[in-house]
């Protein structure tokens, strides 16, 4: 009788241990399945090859000079004459590539490209500011018509808005990549267009950065030359 009781007791302990372990394993599997995740729609990237740049012929009239203030912004241009916009797009073309997002080495490479794009954008803005000042002097010296003055103010305002959104787009791409580099690949996984994060806090922070980047990209799509950008 004592032997039978011992066998029964061992069997009961084993069953209890197995049931607890099974629950723990089920919980672990469920937890992994429910990791904070974000699906990213992957789009074909535009291809930008290095080109040799040329200067446009000088404008023939003041009105033409004013109209050129938004060339490369609202007005599309051949790559060889789009000194600034084409280079910004070329260096920003692959910042969200799948091969980049899960590799610290590749993230660092794209952050360097973003740094170049920032420099090009700053040079563009400086050149634009210089041009607007020269146009203002010419407007006064030639006593330009009201229609030219009105066109100038419109073009200048649209260009200023463009630069704000351009810099925001570049900055938001930089911030999202910097965050992935900061937390490191052990804290998240990116595969087949899907992010999985080990922490809900890290997921929430990246999600906010991701949504800001998408809003900035959407704003850039309002500018014809930048509609091809996907990141």
Protein backbone atom coordinates (compact mmCIF):
# COMPACT_ATOMS: atom_id res chain seq x y z
CA UNK A 1 0.00 0.00 0.00
CA UNK A 2 2.85 2.37 0.84
CA UNK A 3 4.55 1.67 -2.50
CA UNK A 4 1.40 2.39 -4.45
CA UNK A 5 0.95 5.67 -2.56
CA UNK A 6 4.52 6.71 -3.39
CA UNK A 7 3.99 6.05 -7.10
CA UNK A 8 0.76 8.04 -7.00
CA UNK A 9 2.51 10.93 -5.22
CA UNK A 10 5.37 11.01 -7.77
CA UNK A 11 2.89 10.94 -10.63
CA UNK A 12 0.90 13.82 -9.10
CA UNK A 13 4.03 15.94 -8.65
CA UNK A 14 5.12 15.24 -12.23
CA UNK A 15 1.70 16.19 -13.63
CA UNK A 16 1.63 19.37 -11.59
CA UNK A 17 5.14 20.34 -12.76
CA UNK A 18 4.28 19.58 -16.38
CA UNK A 19 1.06 21.62 -16.27
CA UNK A 20 2.88 24.66 -14.80
CA UNK A 21 5.70 24.38 -17.33
CA UNK A 22 3.20 24.07 -20.18
CA UNK A 23 1.40 27.22 -19.01
CA UNK A 24 4.71 29.09 -18.78
CA UNK A 25 5.69 27.98 -22.29
CA UNK A 26 2.30 28.93 -23.67
CA UNK A 27 2.61 32.34 -22.05
CA UNK A 28 6.10 32.80 -23.55
CA UNK A 29 4.88 31.87 -27.03
CA UNK A 30 1.88 34.16 -26.67
CA UNK A 31 4.14 37.00 -25.50
CA UNK A 32 6.43 36.58 -28.50
CA UNK A 33 3.45 36.59 -30.86
CA UNK A 34 2.19 39.81 -29.29
CA UNK A 35 5.44 41.77 -29.44
CA UNK A 36 4.80 45.38 -30.45
CA UNK A 37 5.07 45.42 -34.22
CA UNK A 38 4.79 47.77 -37.16
CA UNK A 39 4.31 46.79 -40.79
CA UNK A 40 6.03 49.02 -43.34
CA UNK A 41 4.88 49.09 -46.95
CA UNK A 42 7.92 48.58 -49.14
CA UNK A 43 7.95 50.60 -52.38
CA UNK A 44 10.32 50.52 -55.38
CA UNK A 45 13.11 53.01 -54.88
CA UNK A 46 13.91 55.64 -57.51
CA UNK A 47 17.31 55.38 -59.16
CA UNK A 48 19.57 58.41 -59.20
CA UNK A 49 22.91 58.22 -60.94
CA UNK A 50 25.60 60.88 -60.57
CA UNK A 51 25.29 63.46 -63.35
CA UNK A 52 27.42 66.30 -64.66
CA UNK A 53 25.82 69.63 -63.82
CA UNK A 54 25.53 72.63 -66.12
CA UNK A 55 24.45 76.22 -65.58
CA UNK A 56 21.28 77.60 -67.09
CA UNK A 57 21.63 80.54 -69.44
CA UNK A 58 21.10 83.84 -67.58
CA UNK A 59 17.42 84.92 -67.43
CA UNK A 60 16.47 87.39 -70.16
CA UNK A 61 14.01 89.35 -68.03
CA UNK A 62 13.39 90.15 -64.38
CA UNK A 63 10.13 88.20 -64.53
CA UNK A 64 11.97 85.13 -65.75
CA UNK A 65 14.48 85.52 -62.94
CA UNK A 66 11.64 85.67 -60.43
CA UNK A 67 9.96 82.62 -61.94
CA UNK A 68 13.14 80.62 -61.46
CA UNK A 69 12.92 81.02 -57.69
CA UNK A 70 10.87 77.83 -57.45
CA UNK A 71 12.68 75.82 -60.12
CA UNK A 72 13.61 72.47 -58.64
CA UNK A 73 10.90 72.94 -56.01
CA UNK A 74 7.53 73.40 -57.71
CA UNK A 75 9.00 73.22 -61.20
CA UNK A 76 10.67 70.01 -62.33
CA UNK A 77 14.01 70.36 -64.12
CA UNK A 78 16.37 68.10 -66.11
CA UNK A 79 18.84 66.49 -63.65
CA UNK A 80 21.87 68.20 -65.16
CA UNK A 81 20.39 71.62 -64.32
CA UNK A 82 18.94 70.69 -60.93
CA UNK A 83 22.15 71.22 -58.95
CA UNK A 84 20.61 71.00 -55.49
CA UNK A 85 17.33 69.10 -55.66
CA UNK A 86 18.71 66.18 -57.63
CA UNK A 87 21.59 65.71 -55.21
CA UNK A 88 19.29 65.88 -52.19
CA UNK A 89 17.08 63.20 -53.72
CA UNK A 90 20.05 61.07 -54.74
CA UNK A 91 21.48 60.94 -51.23
CA UNK A 92 18.05 60.37 -49.65
CA UNK A 93 16.91 57.66 -52.07
CA UNK A 94 17.76 54.60 -49.92
CA UNK A 95 17.56 55.82 -46.33
CA UNK A 96 14.74 53.37 -45.51
CA UNK A 97 15.93 50.41 -47.56
CA UNK A 98 15.35 46.98 -45.91
CA UNK A 99 19.08 46.27 -46.08
CA UNK A 100 19.61 49.41 -44.00
CA UNK A 101 17.05 49.10 -41.24
CA UNK A 102 18.42 45.99 -39.51
CA UNK A 103 22.12 46.76 -39.93
CA UNK A 104 23.96 49.28 -37.71
CA UNK A 105 26.72 49.49 -40.32
CA UNK A 106 24.25 50.34 -43.08
CA UNK A 107 22.37 52.76 -40.84
CA UNK A 108 25.62 54.63 -40.22
CA UNK A 109 26.22 54.76 -43.97
CA UNK A 110 22.81 56.26 -44.61
CA UNK A 111 23.22 58.74 -41.77
CA UNK A 112 26.33 59.91 -43.57
CA UNK A 113 24.28 60.28 -46.77
CA UNK A 114 21.69 62.27 -44.84
CA UNK A 115 24.46 64.52 -43.57
CA UNK A 116 25.48 65.21 -47.18
CA UNK A 117 21.84 65.90 -48.11
CA UNK A 118 21.61 68.37 -45.21
CA UNK A 119 24.70 70.18 -46.49
CA UNK A 120 23.30 70.36 -50.03
CA UNK A 121 19.97 71.66 -48.70
CA UNK A 122 21.78 74.31 -46.65
CA UNK A 123 23.78 75.41 -49.71
CA UNK A 124 20.57 75.55 -51.74
CA UNK A 125 18.86 77.70 -49.13
CA UNK A 126 21.87 80.04 -48.91
CA UNK A 127 22.00 80.42 -52.70
CA UNK A 128 18.27 81.08 -52.75
CA UNK A 129 18.57 83.77 -50.07
CA UNK A 130 21.35 85.46 -52.04
CA UNK A 131 19.22 85.38 -55.18
CA UNK A 132 16.17 86.89 -53.46
CA UNK A 133 18.26 89.77 -52.11
CA UNK A 134 19.64 90.49 -55.56
CA UNK A 135 16.16 90.35 -57.07
CA UNK A 136 14.83 92.78 -54.46
CA UNK A 137 17.57 95.25 -55.39
CA UNK A 138 16.78 94.83 -59.08
CA UNK A 139 13.06 95.30 -58.44
CA UNK A 140 13.72 98.65 -56.80
CA UNK A 141 16.34 99.79 -59.29
CA UNK A 142 14.07 99.07 -62.28
CA UNK A 143 10.86 100.17 -60.55
CA UNK A 144 9.32 96.83 -61.49
CA UNK A 145 5.62 96.52 -62.17
CA UNK A 146 3.13 95.48 -59.49
CA UNK A 147 2.60 92.13 -61.23
CA UNK A 148 6.33 91.33 -61.02
CA UNK A 149 6.40 92.41 -57.37
CA UNK A 150 3.37 90.26 -56.58
CA UNK A 151 4.91 87.28 -58.39
CA UNK A 152 8.13 87.77 -56.46
CA UNK A 153 6.37 87.70 -53.06
CA UNK A 154 4.42 84.58 -54.07
CA UNK A 155 7.51 82.76 -55.32
CA UNK A 156 9.53 83.77 -52.29
CA UNK A 157 6.82 82.55 -49.86
CA UNK A 158 6.46 79.23 -51.66
CA UNK A 159 10.21 78.70 -51.63
CA UNK A 160 10.41 79.48 -47.91
CA UNK A 161 7.67 76.93 -47.20
CA UNK A 162 9.53 74.42 -49.33
CA UNK A 163 12.75 74.80 -47.37
CA UNK A 164 10.93 74.34 -44.06
CA UNK A 165 9.41 71.09 -45.27
CA UNK A 166 12.60 69.92 -46.97
CA UNK A 167 14.59 70.33 -43.77
CA UNK A 168 11.84 68.65 -41.75
CA UNK A 169 11.83 65.66 -44.12
CA UNK A 170 15.59 65.25 -43.90
CA UNK A 171 15.57 65.67 -40.11
CA UNK A 172 12.78 63.13 -39.55
CA UNK A 173 14.60 60.50 -41.60
CA UNK A 174 17.75 61.21 -39.61
CA UNK A 175 15.92 60.97 -36.26
CA UNK A 176 14.27 57.64 -37.03
CA UNK A 177 17.55 56.05 -38.11
CA UNK A 178 19.41 57.52 -35.15
CA UNK A 179 16.90 55.93 -32.80
CA UNK A 180 17.33 52.46 -34.35
CA UNK A 181 21.09 52.88 -34.04
CA UNK A 182 20.71 54.02 -30.44
CA UNK A 183 18.68 51.03 -29.23
CA UNK A 184 20.62 48.54 -31.38
CA UNK A 185 19.49 45.48 -33.39
CA UNK A 186 19.04 43.35 -30.27
CA UNK A 187 16.04 45.47 -29.28
CA UNK A 188 14.12 45.09 -32.52
CA UNK A 189 13.84 42.94 -35.62
CA UNK A 190 13.02 44.04 -39.15
CA UNK A 191 12.05 41.37 -41.63
CA UNK A 192 9.79 41.26 -44.69
CA UNK A 193 8.63 44.81 -44.10
CA UNK A 194 7.70 44.22 -40.46
CA UNK A 195 9.23 45.68 -37.31
CA UNK A 196 9.03 43.77 -34.02
CA UNK A 197 10.20 45.46 -30.83
CA UNK A 198 11.14 43.85 -27.53
CA UNK A 199 9.69 46.75 -25.53
CA UNK A 200 6.37 48.54 -25.88
CA UNK A 201 8.06 51.80 -24.86
CA UNK A 202 10.65 51.48 -27.60
CA UNK A 203 7.89 50.58 -30.04
CA UNK A 204 5.87 53.67 -29.11
CA UNK A 205 8.87 55.96 -29.47
CA UNK A 206 9.82 54.54 -32.86
CA UNK A 207 6.20 54.61 -34.01
CA UNK A 208 6.04 58.35 -33.23
CA UNK A 209 9.27 58.93 -35.19
CA UNK A 210 8.00 56.78 -38.05
CA UNK A 211 4.70 58.67 -38.27
CA UNK A 212 6.51 62.02 -38.21
CA UNK A 213 8.69 60.84 -41.07
CA UNK A 214 5.63 59.76 -43.06
CA UNK A 215 3.97 63.16 -42.53
CA UNK A 216 7.14 64.92 -43.67
CA UNK A 217 7.31 62.67 -46.73
CA UNK A 218 3.67 63.41 -47.53
CA UNK A 219 4.44 67.13 -47.45
CA UNK A 220 7.37 66.64 -49.81
CA UNK A 221 5.09 64.86 -52.26
CA UNK A 222 3.36 68.20 -52.78
CA UNK A 223 6.48 69.25 -54.70
CA UNK A 224 6.58 67.72 -58.17
CA UNK A 225 10.31 66.83 -58.27
CA UNK A 226 10.05 64.99 -54.94
CA UNK A 227 7.00 62.83 -55.67
CA UNK A 228 9.25 59.90 -56.56
CA UNK A 229 10.68 59.68 -53.04
CA UNK A 230 9.52 56.71 -50.96
CA UNK A 231 11.20 57.30 -47.56
